[in-house]
Amino acid sequence: MDAIPSRDKIKIGISVSIVQKQDQGSGKLTDGIVKRILTSSSFHPHGIKVELESGKIGRVQKIS
């Protein structure tokens, strides 16, 4: 598995795959466009938390 992207790689408007809280067990990914970055630290072991334009919130697993 690829490394979880750090915050400096994540920009508003890019396409990412996130895992939502309810999907953490299954690892199901949701694709979308970053609307807001919610994690202030530069790195988080489970991924930087973002809000997508769809309103979904989750942790970035990869940049698509």
C-alpha atoms as a PDB file:
ATOM      1  CA  MET A   1       0.000   0.000   0.000  1.00  0.00           C
ATOM      2  CA  ASP A   2       1.199   3.497  -0.809  1.00  0.00           C
ATOM      3  CA  ALA A   3       2.167   5.886   1.942  1.00  0.00           C
ATOM      4  CA  ILE A   4      -0.612   8.098   3.282  1.00  0.00           C
ATOM      5  CA  PRO A   5      -0.194  11.581   1.724  1.00  0.00           C
ATOM      6  CA  SER A   6       1.041  14.324   4.072  1.00  0.00           C
ATOM      7  CA  ARG A   7      -0.842  17.621   4.383  1.00  0.00           C
ATOM      8  CA  ASP A   8       1.535  19.521   2.083  1.00  0.00           C
ATOM      9  CA  LYS A   9       0.541  17.203  -0.802  1.00  0.00           C
ATOM     10  CA  ILE A  10      -3.188  17.895  -0.329  1.00  0.00           C
ATOM     11  CA  LYS A  11      -4.611  21.024  -1.924  1.00  0.00           C
ATOM     12  CA  ILE A  12      -8.131  22.431  -2.252  1.00  0.00           C
ATOM     13  CA  GLY A  13      -9.636  21.310  -5.560  1.00  0.00           C
ATOM     14  CA  ILE A  14      -7.582  18.141  -6.113  1.00  0.00           C
ATOM     15  CA  SER A  15      -9.123  14.713  -6.588  1.00  0.00           C
ATOM     16  CA  VAL A  16      -8.544  12.291  -3.703  1.00  0.00           C
ATOM     17  CA  SER A  17      -9.779   8.999  -2.270  1.00  0.00           C
ATOM     18  CA  ILE A  18     -10.910   9.150   1.362  1.00  0.00           C
ATOM     19  CA  VAL A  19     -12.053   6.597   3.893  1.00  0.00           C
ATOM     20  CA  GLN A  20     -15.104   7.740   5.837  1.00  0.00           C
ATOM     21  CA  LYS A  21     -15.451   6.923   9.543  1.00  0.00           C
ATOM     22  CA  GLN A  22     -18.114   4.268   8.945  1.00  0.00           C
ATOM     23  CA  ASP A  23     -15.944   2.625   6.251  1.00  0.00           C
ATOM     24  CA  GLN A  24     -12.736   2.334   8.281  1.00  0.00           C
ATOM     25  CA  GLY A  25     -13.398  -1.329   9.059  1.00  0.00           C
ATOM     26  CA  SER A  26     -14.016  -2.312   5.445  1.00  0.00           C
ATOM     27  CA  GLY A  27     -11.460   0.082   3.940  1.00  0.00           C
ATOM     28  CA  LYS A  28     -14.005   1.248   1.336  1.00  0.00           C
ATOM     29  CA  LEU A  29     -12.753   4.395  -0.400  1.00  0.00           C
ATOM     30  CA  THR A  30     -14.835   7.355  -1.563  1.00  0.00           C
ATOM     31  CA  ASP A  31     -13.518   9.564  -4.382  1.00  0.00           C
ATOM     32  CA  GLY A  32     -14.077  13.290  -4.529  1.00  0.00           C
ATOM     33  CA  ILE A  33     -12.692  16.802  -4.778  1.00  0.00           C
ATOM     34  CA  VAL A  34     -11.202  18.454  -1.668  1.00  0.00           C
ATOM     35  CA  LYS A  35     -13.288  21.401  -0.472  1.00  0.00           C
ATOM     36  CA  ARG A  36     -11.671  21.945   2.957  1.00  0.00           C
ATOM     37  CA  ILE A  37      -8.699  20.528   4.856  1.00  0.00           C
ATOM     38  CA  LEU A  38      -9.729  19.805   8.446  1.00  0.00           C
ATOM     39  CA  THR A  39      -6.497  18.451   9.973  1.00  0.00           C
ATOM     40  CA  SER A  40      -4.103  21.183  11.061  1.00  0.00           C
ATOM     41  CA  SER A  41      -1.050  18.961  11.669  1.00  0.00           C
ATOM     42  CA  SER A  42       1.282  18.168   8.761  1.00  0.00           C
ATOM     43  CA  PHE A  43       0.756  14.411   9.080  1.00  0.00           C
ATOM     44  CA  HIS A  44      -1.705  11.979  10.642  1.00  0.00           C
ATOM     45  CA  PRO A  45      -1.107   8.204  10.693  1.00  0.00           C
ATOM     46  CA  HIS A  46      -4.639   7.479   9.416  1.00  0.00           C
ATOM     47  CA  GLY A  47      -4.626  10.301   6.868  1.00  0.00           C
ATOM     48  CA  ILE A  48      -5.353  14.022   6.762  1.00  0.00           C
ATOM     49  CA  LYS A  49      -9.045  14.680   7.398  1.00  0.00           C
ATOM     50  CA  VAL A  50     -10.799  16.626   4.633  1.00  0.00           C
ATOM     51  CA  GLU A  51     -14.277  17.617   3.545  1.00  0.00           C
ATOM     52  CA  LEU A  52     -15.151  16.837  -0.065  1.00  0.00           C
ATOM     53  CA  GLU A  53     -17.312  19.055  -2.278  1.00  0.00           C
ATOM     54  CA  SER A  54     -20.045  16.436  -1.786  1.00  0.00           C
ATOM     55  CA  GLY A  55     -20.007  17.258   1.951  1.00  0.00           C
ATOM     56  CA  LYS A  56     -18.531  13.868   2.869  1.00  0.00           C
ATOM     57  CA  ILE A  57     -15.761  13.905   5.473  1.00  0.00           C
ATOM     58  CA  GLY A  58     -12.959  11.402   5.753  1.00  0.00           C
ATOM     59  CA  ARG A  59      -9.224  10.803   5.823  1.00  0.00           C
ATOM     60  CA  VAL A  60      -7.204  10.978   2.597  1.00  0.00           C
ATOM     61  CA  GLN A  61      -5.760   7.595   1.678  1.00  0.00           C
ATOM     62  CA  LYS A  62      -4.465   8.549  -1.758  1.00  0.00           C
ATOM     63  CA  ILE A  63      -4.384  11.337  -4.276  1.00  0.00           C
ATOM     64  CA  SER A  64      -6.103  10.182  -7.452  1.00  0.00           C
END
